[in-house]
Amino acid sequence: MYKLPEQDRQHLMMRPTECFDQGLSIQDKIKLAQNLNLLWKDALRKQSHINNLLEDLERCIRISRESMLEFRIVEICKRCDEEEGGSCCGAGMENKFDTFLLLVNLLLGVTLPEQHLRKGSSYLLADKGCMLKVRLVLCVDFLCDKILNALSVQELLSLQNISGEELITGFRLYDAVKKFMRQAETQV
């Protein structure tokens, strides 16, 4: 079993509002998330409230993605990226993700990249979009003018409700994982 280095264990004890991985590269955050996953995956999965949140989040993400397809958002984003040279997922966006968010993605079965797949874009952007299931609030909630102009008021309200459910459930899971790991670390 992987043993988390003492320095990393101390970082886990920081207050919830503090970020212990500030200044780490995305590659280092991915390695740390993978190590945390090796160390904690089984214990986290044994927690019924965490397992329930994982299932709830999978459902919310599926509904959110289906809505984005239905409302043509995926099509608009794809056209912008491929034909207009733009993308909200620009280089450096990956630096806004923290290790715990990457860990939650690993718990949901996401395979994190070992190398940058699309130079000039986010490290986490592949040819078919973001590699992550659980994303930042900005990634889920931001709608550019093109998208806003393409949606009816009813579609926009529907999308905001659906996205809100995904974000709230993701936050609850993220928070539960951090709390469980902190409590378990204090008992070691």
N, C-alpha and C. Protein backbone atom coordinates (compact mmCIF):
# COMPACT_ATOMS: atom_id res chain seq x y z
N MET A 1 0.84 -1.19 0.00
CA MET A 1 0.00 0.00 0.00
C MET A 1 0.89 1.24 0.00
N TYR A 2 0.46 2.23 -0.74
CA TYR A 2 1.20 3.49 -0.83
C TYR A 2 1.10 4.24 0.49
N LYS A 3 2.21 4.75 0.99
CA LYS A 3 2.24 5.56 2.22
C LYS A 3 2.48 7.00 1.82
N LEU A 4 1.55 7.87 2.20
CA LEU A 4 1.66 9.28 1.87
C LEU A 4 2.82 9.89 2.65
N PRO A 5 3.72 10.61 1.97
CA PRO A 5 4.84 11.24 2.67
C PRO A 5 4.36 12.19 3.77
N GLU A 6 5.15 12.32 4.82
CA GLU A 6 4.79 13.16 5.96
C GLU A 6 4.45 14.59 5.55
N GLN A 7 5.20 15.15 4.63
CA GLN A 7 4.94 16.52 4.18
C GLN A 7 3.53 16.63 3.59
N ASP A 8 3.13 15.65 2.78
CA ASP A 8 1.80 15.67 2.19
C ASP A 8 0.72 15.44 3.26
N ARG A 9 1.02 14.61 4.25
CA ARG A 9 0.06 14.38 5.33
C ARG A 9 -0.18 15.67 6.10
N GLN A 10 0.86 16.43 6.33
CA GLN A 10 0.71 17.70 7.04
C GLN A 10 -0.13 18.68 6.22
N HIS A 11 0.07 18.68 4.92
CA HIS A 11 -0.72 19.57 4.06
C HIS A 11 -2.20 19.24 4.12
N LEU A 12 -2.53 17.97 4.24
CA LEU A 12 -3.92 17.57 4.31
C LEU A 12 -4.62 18.11 5.55
N MET A 13 -3.85 18.45 6.55
CA MET A 13 -4.41 18.93 7.80
C MET A 13 -4.75 20.41 7.76
N MET A 14 -4.47 21.07 6.68
CA MET A 14 -4.78 22.49 6.58
C MET A 14 -6.28 22.72 6.62
N ARG A 15 -6.66 23.92 7.00
CA ARG A 15 -8.08 24.26 7.03
C ARG A 15 -8.69 24.08 5.64
N PRO A 16 -9.99 23.80 5.56
CA PRO A 16 -10.64 23.56 4.27
C PRO A 16 -10.50 24.71 3.28
N THR A 17 -10.36 25.93 3.77
CA THR A 17 -10.28 27.06 2.86
C THR A 17 -8.88 27.28 2.32
N GLU A 18 -7.90 26.56 2.86
CA GLU A 18 -6.53 26.71 2.39
C GLU A 18 -6.24 25.68 1.31
N CYS A 19 -5.44 26.06 0.37
CA CYS A 19 -5.07 25.17 -0.73
C CYS A 19 -3.66 24.65 -0.48
N PHE A 20 -3.51 23.34 -0.31
CA PHE A 20 -2.21 22.80 0.03
C PHE A 20 -1.32 22.57 -1.18
N ASP A 21 -1.86 22.67 -2.37
CA ASP A 21 -1.06 22.36 -3.55
C ASP A 21 -0.74 23.58 -4.39
N GLN A 22 -0.89 24.75 -3.81
CA GLN A 22 -0.61 25.98 -4.55
C GLN A 22 0.84 25.96 -5.04
N GLY A 23 1.02 26.30 -6.30
CA GLY A 23 2.37 26.35 -6.86
C GLY A 23 2.82 25.06 -7.51
N LEU A 24 2.09 23.96 -7.30
CA LEU A 24 2.46 22.70 -7.95
C LEU A 24 2.03 22.74 -9.41
N SER A 25 2.79 22.09 -10.25
CA SER A 25 2.40 21.96 -11.66
C SER A 25 1.23 21.00 -11.77
N ILE A 26 0.53 21.03 -12.88
CA ILE A 26 -0.59 20.11 -13.08
C ILE A 26 -0.10 18.66 -13.06
N GLN A 27 1.10 18.42 -13.57
CA GLN A 27 1.65 17.06 -13.54
C GLN A 27 1.86 16.59 -12.11
N ASP A 28 2.36 17.50 -11.24
CA ASP A 28 2.57 17.14 -9.84
C ASP A 28 1.24 16.94 -9.12
N LYS A 29 0.24 17.76 -9.44
CA LYS A 29 -1.08 17.60 -8.84
C LYS A 29 -1.69 16.26 -9.26
N ILE A 30 -1.51 15.90 -10.52
CA ILE A 30 -2.02 14.61 -11.00
C ILE A 30 -1.34 13.46 -10.27
N LYS A 31 -0.03 13.51 -10.13
CA LYS A 31 0.69 12.45 -9.40
C LYS A 31 0.22 12.36 -7.96
N LEU A 32 0.06 13.51 -7.32
CA LEU A 32 -0.40 13.51 -5.94
C LEU A 32 -1.82 12.95 -5.85
N ALA A 33 -2.69 13.34 -6.77
CA ALA A 33 -4.07 12.81 -6.78
C ALA A 33 -4.06 11.30 -7.00
N GLN A 34 -3.20 10.82 -7.88
CA GLN A 34 -3.11 9.37 -8.12
C GLN A 34 -2.61 8.65 -6.86
N ASN A 35 -1.64 9.24 -6.16
CA ASN A 35 -1.15 8.63 -4.92
C ASN A 35 -2.24 8.64 -3.85
N LEU A 36 -2.96 9.73 -3.73
CA LEU A 36 -4.07 9.80 -2.77
C LEU A 36 -5.14 8.77 -3.12
N ASN A 37 -5.40 8.60 -4.41
CA ASN A 37 -6.38 7.62 -4.85
C ASN A 37 -5.95 6.21 -4.45
N LEU A 38 -4.67 5.89 -4.65
CA LEU A 38 -4.16 4.58 -4.24
C LEU A 38 -4.33 4.37 -2.74
N LEU A 39 -4.04 5.40 -2.00
CA LEU A 39 -4.07 5.31 -0.55
C LEU A 39 -5.48 5.30 0.02
N TRP A 40 -6.41 6.04 -0.57
CA TRP A 40 -7.70 6.30 0.04
C TRP A 40 -8.91 5.71 -0.68
N LYS A 41 -8.76 5.28 -1.91
CA LYS A 41 -9.92 4.86 -2.71
C LYS A 41 -10.82 3.85 -1.98
N ASP A 42 -10.24 2.80 -1.46
CA ASP A 42 -11.05 1.76 -0.81
C ASP A 42 -11.76 2.29 0.43
N ALA A 43 -11.05 3.05 1.24
CA ALA A 43 -11.67 3.60 2.45
C ALA A 43 -12.78 4.58 2.10
N LEU A 44 -12.56 5.40 1.08
CA LEU A 44 -13.59 6.36 0.67
C LEU A 44 -14.82 5.64 0.13
N ARG A 45 -14.59 4.60 -0.66
CA ARG A 45 -15.71 3.86 -1.26
C ARG A 45 -16.54 3.12 -0.21
N LYS A 46 -15.92 2.82 0.94
CA LYS A 46 -16.65 2.14 2.02
C LYS A 46 -17.58 3.08 2.78
N GLN A 47 -17.44 4.36 2.57
CA GLN A 47 -18.30 5.35 3.22
C GLN A 47 -19.59 5.49 2.41
N SER A 48 -20.70 5.07 2.98
CA SER A 48 -21.95 5.06 2.21
C SER A 48 -22.34 6.46 1.74
N HIS A 49 -22.13 7.49 2.56
CA HIS A 49 -22.52 8.83 2.12
C HIS A 49 -21.65 9.30 0.95
N ILE A 50 -20.39 8.90 0.92
CA ILE A 50 -19.51 9.27 -0.19
C ILE A 50 -19.90 8.47 -1.43
N ASN A 51 -20.16 7.19 -1.25
CA ASN A 51 -20.59 6.37 -2.39
C ASN A 51 -21.90 6.89 -2.97
N ASN A 52 -22.84 7.29 -2.12
CA ASN A 52 -24.11 7.85 -2.59
C ASN A 52 -23.88 9.15 -3.36
N LEU A 53 -22.99 9.99 -2.85
CA LEU A 53 -22.68 11.24 -3.54
C LEU A 53 -22.01 10.98 -4.89
N LEU A 54 -21.14 9.97 -4.96
CA LEU A 54 -20.52 9.61 -6.24
C LEU A 54 -21.59 9.21 -7.25
N GLU A 55 -22.54 8.40 -6.82
CA GLU A 55 -23.63 7.98 -7.71
C GLU A 55 -24.50 9.16 -8.11
N ASP A 56 -24.83 10.01 -7.14
CA ASP A 56 -25.64 11.20 -7.44
C ASP A 56 -24.93 12.11 -8.43
N LEU A 57 -23.64 12.29 -8.22
CA LEU A 57 -22.88 13.17 -9.11
C LEU A 57 -22.81 12.60 -10.52
N GLU A 58 -22.61 11.30 -10.65
CA GLU A 58 -22.61 10.67 -11.98
C GLU A 58 -23.92 10.96 -12.70
N ARG A 59 -25.03 10.84 -11.97
CA ARG A 59 -26.36 11.11 -12.55
C ARG A 59 -26.46 12.58 -12.97
N CYS A 60 -26.06 13.48 -12.09
CA CYS A 60 -26.13 14.92 -12.40
C CYS A 60 -25.27 15.27 -13.62
N ILE A 61 -24.09 14.70 -13.69
CA ILE A 61 -23.19 14.97 -14.82
C ILE A 61 -23.81 14.46 -16.12
N ARG A 62 -24.39 13.27 -16.07
CA ARG A 62 -25.03 12.71 -17.26
C ARG A 62 -26.16 13.62 -17.74
N ILE A 63 -27.01 14.06 -16.83
CA ILE A 63 -28.13 14.95 -17.18
C ILE A 63 -27.60 16.28 -17.73
N SER A 64 -26.57 16.79 -17.11
CA SER A 64 -25.98 18.06 -17.56
C SER A 64 -25.42 17.93 -18.97
N ARG A 65 -24.70 16.86 -19.24
CA ARG A 65 -24.12 16.64 -20.57
C ARG A 65 -25.21 16.47 -21.61
N GLU A 66 -26.26 15.71 -21.27
CA GLU A 66 -27.38 15.53 -22.20
C GLU A 66 -28.03 16.87 -22.53
N SER A 67 -28.17 17.73 -21.54
CA SER A 67 -28.77 19.04 -21.75
C SER A 67 -27.89 19.90 -22.64
N MET A 68 -26.58 19.82 -22.44
CA MET A 68 -25.66 20.59 -23.28
C MET A 68 -25.74 20.14 -24.74
N LEU A 69 -25.93 18.87 -24.95
CA LEU A 69 -26.13 18.38 -26.32
C LEU A 69 -27.47 18.85 -26.87
N GLU A 70 -28.51 18.69 -26.09
CA GLU A 70 -29.86 19.08 -26.51
C GLU A 70 -29.94 20.57 -26.85
N PHE A 71 -29.30 21.40 -26.06
CA PHE A 71 -29.35 22.85 -26.28
C PHE A 71 -28.28 23.34 -27.25
N ARG A 72 -27.58 22.41 -27.91
CA ARG A 72 -26.60 22.71 -28.95
C ARG A 72 -25.32 23.39 -28.44
N ILE A 73 -25.09 23.36 -27.16
CA ILE A 73 -23.92 24.01 -26.58
C ILE A 73 -22.64 23.31 -27.03
N VAL A 74 -22.66 22.00 -27.04
CA VAL A 74 -21.49 21.23 -27.47
C VAL A 74 -21.13 21.59 -28.91
N GLU A 75 -22.14 21.69 -29.75
CA GLU A 75 -21.93 22.05 -31.16
C GLU A 75 -21.31 23.45 -31.28
N ILE A 76 -21.83 24.40 -30.52
CA ILE A 76 -21.31 25.77 -30.57
C ILE A 76 -19.86 25.82 -30.08
N CYS A 77 -19.58 25.14 -29.00
CA CYS A 77 -18.21 25.12 -28.45
C CYS A 77 -17.24 24.44 -29.42
N LYS A 78 -17.68 23.34 -30.00
CA LYS A 78 -16.83 22.62 -30.95
C LYS A 78 -16.50 23.50 -32.15
N ARG A 79 -17.51 24.17 -32.69
CA ARG A 79 -17.29 25.06 -33.84
C ARG A 79 -16.32 26.18 -33.47
N CYS A 80 -16.50 26.76 -32.31
CA CYS A 80 -15.63 27.85 -31.86
C CYS A 80 -14.19 27.37 -31.75
N ASP A 81 -14.00 26.18 -31.19
CA ASP A 81 -12.66 25.64 -31.00
C ASP A 81 -12.01 25.26 -32.33
N GLU A 82 -12.75 24.59 -33.19
CA GLU A 82 -12.18 24.06 -34.43
C GLU A 82 -12.11 25.07 -35.56
N GLU A 83 -13.13 25.92 -35.70
CA GLU A 83 -13.21 26.81 -36.85
C GLU A 83 -12.81 28.25 -36.56
N GLU A 84 -13.01 28.67 -35.34
CA GLU A 84 -12.76 30.06 -35.01
C GLU A 84 -11.50 30.26 -34.18
N GLY A 85 -10.85 29.16 -33.83
CA GLY A 85 -9.59 29.23 -33.10
C GLY A 85 -9.72 29.65 -31.65
N GLY A 86 -10.90 29.64 -31.14
CA GLY A 86 -11.09 30.03 -29.75
C GLY A 86 -11.45 28.86 -28.88
N SER A 87 -11.22 29.01 -27.62
CA SER A 87 -11.63 27.99 -26.68
C SER A 87 -11.59 28.58 -25.29
N CYS A 88 -12.60 28.29 -24.52
CA CYS A 88 -12.60 28.71 -23.11
C CYS A 88 -11.58 27.89 -22.32
N CYS A 89 -11.17 26.78 -22.89
CA CYS A 89 -10.24 25.87 -22.21
C CYS A 89 -8.81 26.17 -22.64
N GLY A 90 -8.41 27.41 -22.45
CA GLY A 90 -7.09 27.85 -22.89
C GLY A 90 -5.97 27.34 -22.02
N ALA A 91 -4.77 27.49 -22.52
CA ALA A 91 -3.57 27.09 -21.78
C ALA A 91 -3.56 27.79 -20.43
N GLY A 92 -3.23 27.04 -19.40
CA GLY A 92 -3.16 27.58 -18.05
C GLY A 92 -4.42 27.34 -17.24
N MET A 93 -5.53 27.01 -17.89
CA MET A 93 -6.77 26.75 -17.17
C MET A 93 -6.58 25.60 -16.18
N GLU A 94 -5.75 24.65 -16.52
CA GLU A 94 -5.50 23.49 -15.66
C GLU A 94 -4.92 23.88 -14.31
N ASN A 95 -4.29 25.04 -14.24
CA ASN A 95 -3.69 25.48 -12.98
C ASN A 95 -4.72 25.87 -11.94
N LYS A 96 -5.95 26.03 -12.35
CA LYS A 96 -7.02 26.38 -11.42
C LYS A 96 -7.60 25.15 -10.71
N PHE A 97 -7.29 23.96 -11.21
CA PHE A 97 -7.77 22.72 -10.60
C PHE A 97 -6.86 22.35 -9.45
N ASP A 98 -7.45 21.82 -8.38
CA ASP A 98 -6.61 21.37 -7.27
C ASP A 98 -6.59 19.85 -7.20
N THR A 99 -5.73 19.35 -6.35
CA THR A 99 -5.51 17.91 -6.23
C THR A 99 -6.78 17.17 -5.83
N PHE A 100 -7.57 17.75 -4.93
CA PHE A 100 -8.78 17.06 -4.49
C PHE A 100 -9.81 16.94 -5.61
N LEU A 101 -9.92 17.94 -6.45
CA LEU A 101 -10.84 17.85 -7.58
C LEU A 101 -10.37 16.76 -8.56
N LEU A 102 -9.07 16.66 -8.74
CA LEU A 102 -8.52 15.60 -9.58
C LEU A 102 -8.77 14.23 -8.93
N LEU A 103 -8.63 14.16 -7.61
CA LEU A 103 -8.91 12.91 -6.89
C LEU A 103 -10.36 12.49 -7.07
N VAL A 104 -11.29 13.42 -6.96
CA VAL A 104 -12.71 13.10 -7.14
C VAL A 104 -12.94 12.55 -8.56
N ASN A 105 -12.26 13.11 -9.54
CA ASN A 105 -12.36 12.58 -10.91
C ASN A 105 -11.84 11.16 -10.98
N LEU A 106 -10.74 10.88 -10.31
CA LEU A 106 -10.21 9.51 -10.29
C LEU A 106 -11.21 8.56 -9.64
N LEU A 107 -11.87 8.99 -8.57
CA LEU A 107 -12.88 8.16 -7.91
C LEU A 107 -14.04 7.85 -8.85
N LEU A 108 -14.27 8.73 -9.83
CA LEU A 108 -15.33 8.51 -10.81
C LEU A 108 -14.83 7.78 -12.06
N GLY A 109 -13.60 7.28 -12.00
CA GLY A 109 -13.09 6.46 -13.09
C GLY A 109 -12.40 7.21 -14.22
N VAL A 110 -12.14 8.49 -14.03
CA VAL A 110 -11.46 9.27 -15.06
C VAL A 110 -9.98 8.89 -15.09
N THR A 111 -9.43 8.77 -16.28
CA THR A 111 -7.99 8.58 -16.46
C THR A 111 -7.39 9.94 -16.75
N LEU A 112 -6.49 10.37 -15.90
CA LEU A 112 -5.86 11.68 -16.08
C LEU A 112 -4.69 11.57 -17.05
N PRO A 113 -4.46 12.60 -17.85
CA PRO A 113 -3.43 12.53 -18.89
C PRO A 113 -2.01 12.54 -18.32
N GLU A 114 -1.13 11.85 -19.01
CA GLU A 114 0.29 11.83 -18.63
C GLU A 114 1.08 12.91 -19.35
N GLN A 115 0.46 13.48 -20.39
CA GLN A 115 1.15 14.52 -21.15
C GLN A 115 0.12 15.50 -21.71
N HIS A 116 0.61 16.62 -22.14
CA HIS A 116 -0.24 17.66 -22.73
C HIS A 116 -0.65 17.19 -24.12
N LEU A 117 -1.95 17.05 -24.34
CA LEU A 117 -2.43 16.49 -25.60
C LEU A 117 -2.65 17.54 -26.69
N ARG A 118 -3.00 18.76 -26.28
CA ARG A 118 -3.28 19.82 -27.26
C ARG A 118 -2.55 21.08 -26.85
N LYS A 119 -1.39 21.27 -27.39
CA LYS A 119 -0.58 22.45 -27.07
C LYS A 119 -1.41 23.72 -27.33
N GLY A 120 -1.27 24.69 -26.46
CA GLY A 120 -2.00 25.93 -26.60
C GLY A 120 -3.38 25.89 -25.94
N SER A 121 -3.75 24.73 -25.43
CA SER A 121 -5.02 24.56 -24.73
C SER A 121 -4.74 24.06 -23.32
N SER A 122 -5.79 23.90 -22.55
CA SER A 122 -5.66 23.35 -21.22
C SER A 122 -5.03 21.95 -21.30
N TYR A 123 -4.23 21.62 -20.32
CA TYR A 123 -3.60 20.31 -20.21
C TYR A 123 -4.67 19.21 -20.17
N LEU A 124 -5.86 19.55 -19.71
CA LEU A 124 -6.94 18.58 -19.51
C LEU A 124 -7.92 18.50 -20.69
N LEU A 125 -7.59 19.20 -21.78
CA LEU A 125 -8.45 19.21 -22.95
C LEU A 125 -7.94 18.22 -23.99
N ALA A 126 -8.82 17.32 -24.40
CA ALA A 126 -8.49 16.34 -25.43
C ALA A 126 -9.27 16.69 -26.70
N ASP A 127 -9.12 15.89 -27.73
CA ASP A 127 -9.81 16.16 -28.99
C ASP A 127 -11.33 16.16 -28.86
N LYS A 128 -11.85 15.39 -27.92
CA LYS A 128 -13.31 15.31 -27.74
C LYS A 128 -13.78 16.11 -26.53
N GLY A 129 -12.99 17.07 -26.10
CA GLY A 129 -13.40 17.93 -24.99
C GLY A 129 -12.61 17.65 -23.72
N CYS A 130 -13.13 18.17 -22.63
CA CYS A 130 -12.47 18.05 -21.33
C CYS A 130 -12.42 16.59 -20.90
N MET A 131 -11.29 16.19 -20.35
CA MET A 131 -11.11 14.82 -19.91
C MET A 131 -11.78 14.57 -18.55
N LEU A 132 -12.09 15.65 -17.85
CA LEU A 132 -12.65 15.53 -16.51
C LEU A 132 -14.17 15.37 -16.53
N LYS A 133 -14.68 14.68 -15.54
CA LYS A 133 -16.12 14.64 -15.32
C LYS A 133 -16.51 15.78 -14.39
N VAL A 134 -15.77 15.92 -13.30
CA VAL A 134 -16.04 16.97 -12.33
C VAL A 134 -15.13 18.14 -12.67
N ARG A 135 -15.75 19.28 -12.93
CA ARG A 135 -15.00 20.45 -13.37
C ARG A 135 -15.20 21.61 -12.41
N LEU A 136 -14.48 22.67 -12.66
CA LEU A 136 -14.62 23.88 -11.86
C LEU A 136 -15.98 24.52 -12.09
N VAL A 137 -16.39 25.35 -11.15
CA VAL A 137 -17.63 26.10 -11.30
C VAL A 137 -17.59 26.89 -12.60
N LEU A 138 -16.48 27.55 -12.86
CA LEU A 138 -16.34 28.34 -14.09
C LEU A 138 -16.58 27.49 -15.33
N CYS A 139 -16.05 26.30 -15.36
CA CYS A 139 -16.19 25.42 -16.52
C CYS A 139 -17.64 24.98 -16.74
N VAL A 140 -18.36 24.80 -15.66
CA VAL A 140 -19.74 24.33 -15.75
C VAL A 140 -20.69 25.50 -16.01
N ASP A 141 -20.42 26.62 -15.38
CA ASP A 141 -21.37 27.71 -15.32
C ASP A 141 -21.20 28.79 -16.39
N PHE A 142 -20.00 28.93 -16.94
CA PHE A 142 -19.76 30.02 -17.88
C PHE A 142 -20.44 29.77 -19.23
N LEU A 143 -21.14 30.78 -19.71
CA LEU A 143 -21.76 30.73 -21.03
C LEU A 143 -21.36 31.99 -21.78
N CYS A 144 -20.70 31.83 -22.92
CA CYS A 144 -20.27 32.99 -23.71
C CYS A 144 -21.49 33.60 -24.40
N ASP A 145 -21.27 34.74 -25.02
CA ASP A 145 -22.36 35.44 -25.72
C ASP A 145 -22.97 34.60 -26.83
N LYS A 146 -22.14 33.82 -27.53
CA LYS A 146 -22.68 32.97 -28.61
C LYS A 146 -23.70 31.98 -28.07
N ILE A 147 -23.36 31.39 -26.94
CA ILE A 147 -24.27 30.41 -26.34
C ILE A 147 -25.50 31.12 -25.78
N LEU A 148 -25.28 32.21 -25.08
CA LEU A 148 -26.41 32.96 -24.52
C LEU A 148 -27.39 33.38 -25.61
N ASN A 149 -26.87 33.82 -26.75
CA ASN A 149 -27.73 34.26 -27.85
C ASN A 149 -28.45 33.10 -28.52
N ALA A 150 -27.91 31.90 -28.41
CA ALA A 150 -28.51 30.73 -29.05
C ALA A 150 -29.60 30.08 -28.19
N LEU A 151 -29.65 30.42 -26.91
CA LEU A 151 -30.60 29.80 -25.99
C LEU A 151 -31.83 30.68 -25.77
N SER A 152 -32.97 30.04 -25.66
CA SER A 152 -34.17 30.77 -25.24
C SER A 152 -34.07 30.98 -23.72
N VAL A 153 -34.88 31.85 -23.21
CA VAL A 153 -34.90 32.11 -21.77
C VAL A 153 -35.23 30.81 -21.02
N GLN A 154 -36.18 30.06 -21.53
CA GLN A 154 -36.56 28.80 -20.89
C GLN A 154 -35.42 27.79 -20.90
N GLU A 155 -34.71 27.70 -22.02
CA GLU A 155 -33.55 26.79 -22.09
C GLU A 155 -32.47 27.23 -21.11
N LEU A 156 -32.22 28.51 -21.03
CA LEU A 156 -31.21 29.03 -20.12
C LEU A 156 -31.57 28.72 -18.66
N LEU A 157 -32.82 28.94 -18.29
CA LEU A 157 -33.25 28.63 -16.92
C LEU A 157 -33.13 27.14 -16.63
N SER A 158 -33.52 26.33 -17.58
CA SER A 158 -33.42 24.88 -17.42
C SER A 158 -31.97 24.46 -17.24
N LEU A 159 -31.10 24.98 -18.10
CA LEU A 159 -29.68 24.65 -18.03
C LEU A 159 -29.07 25.10 -16.70
N GLN A 160 -29.44 26.29 -16.23
CA GLN A 160 -28.90 26.78 -14.96
C GLN A 160 -29.34 25.89 -13.80
N ASN A 161 -30.57 25.42 -13.82
CA ASN A 161 -31.03 24.52 -12.76
C ASN A 161 -30.28 23.19 -12.79
N ILE A 162 -30.11 22.66 -13.99
CA ILE A 162 -29.40 21.38 -14.15
C ILE A 162 -27.94 21.53 -13.76
N SER A 163 -27.29 22.58 -14.22
CA SER A 163 -25.89 22.82 -13.89
C SER A 163 -25.72 23.07 -12.39
N GLY A 164 -26.67 23.78 -11.81
CA GLY A 164 -26.62 24.05 -10.38
C GLY A 164 -26.63 22.78 -9.56
N GLU A 165 -27.46 21.83 -9.98
CA GLU A 165 -27.53 20.54 -9.28
C GLU A 165 -26.18 19.80 -9.37
N GLU A 166 -25.58 19.84 -10.55
CA GLU A 166 -24.26 19.22 -10.72
C GLU A 166 -23.23 19.88 -9.81
N LEU A 167 -23.23 21.19 -9.77
CA LEU A 167 -22.24 21.92 -8.96
C LEU A 167 -22.44 21.68 -7.47
N ILE A 168 -23.68 21.71 -7.01
CA ILE A 168 -23.95 21.49 -5.58
C ILE A 168 -23.55 20.08 -5.17
N THR A 169 -23.92 19.10 -5.99
CA THR A 169 -23.58 17.71 -5.67
C THR A 169 -22.07 17.52 -5.71
N GLY A 170 -21.40 18.11 -6.69
CA GLY A 170 -19.94 18.03 -6.77
C GLY A 170 -19.28 18.65 -5.56
N PHE A 171 -19.78 19.80 -5.11
CA PHE A 171 -19.23 20.45 -3.92
C PHE A 171 -19.41 19.57 -2.69
N ARG A 172 -20.59 18.97 -2.55
CA ARG A 172 -20.85 18.10 -1.40
C ARG A 172 -19.89 16.91 -1.38
N LEU A 173 -19.65 16.33 -2.54
CA LEU A 173 -18.72 15.20 -2.63
C LEU A 173 -17.30 15.65 -2.31
N TYR A 174 -16.87 16.71 -2.93
CA TYR A 174 -15.53 17.28 -2.72
C TYR A 174 -15.31 17.53 -1.22
N ASP A 175 -16.29 18.15 -0.59
CA ASP A 175 -16.21 18.47 0.83
C ASP A 175 -16.19 17.20 1.68
N ALA A 176 -17.02 16.22 1.35
CA ALA A 176 -17.07 14.97 2.12
C ALA A 176 -15.75 14.20 2.02
N VAL A 177 -15.15 14.19 0.84
CA VAL A 177 -13.87 13.50 0.66
C VAL A 177 -12.80 14.18 1.52
N LYS A 178 -12.72 15.49 1.46
CA LYS A 178 -11.71 16.21 2.24
C LYS A 178 -11.93 16.00 3.75
N LYS A 179 -13.17 16.08 4.20
CA LYS A 179 -13.46 15.90 5.63
C LYS A 179 -13.08 14.49 6.08
N PHE A 180 -13.46 13.49 5.30
CA PHE A 180 -13.15 12.12 5.68
C PHE A 180 -11.65 11.91 5.78
N MET A 181 -10.91 12.40 4.79
CA MET A 181 -9.46 12.21 4.80
C MET A 181 -8.81 12.94 5.96
N ARG A 182 -9.28 14.13 6.27
CA ARG A 182 -8.73 14.88 7.41
C ARG A 182 -8.97 14.14 8.71
N GLN A 183 -10.20 13.67 8.89
CA GLN A 183 -10.54 12.96 10.12
C GLN A 183 -9.73 11.66 10.24
N ALA A 184 -9.59 10.95 9.15
CA ALA A 184 -8.82 9.70 9.17
C ALA A 184 -7.35 9.97 9.45
N GLU A 185 -6.80 11.05 8.90
CA GLU A 185 -5.40 11.40 9.13
C GLU A 185 -5.13 11.75 10.59
N THR A 186 -6.10 12.36 11.26
CA THR A 186 -5.89 12.72 12.66
C THR A 186 -5.91 11.49 13.55
N GLN A 187 -6.45 10.38 13.03
CA GLN A 187 -6.52 9.15 13.81
C GLN A 187 -5.33 8.24 13.56
N VAL A 188 -4.46 8.62 12.61
CA VAL A 188 -3.29 7.80 12.28
C VAL A 188 -2.21 8.02 13.31
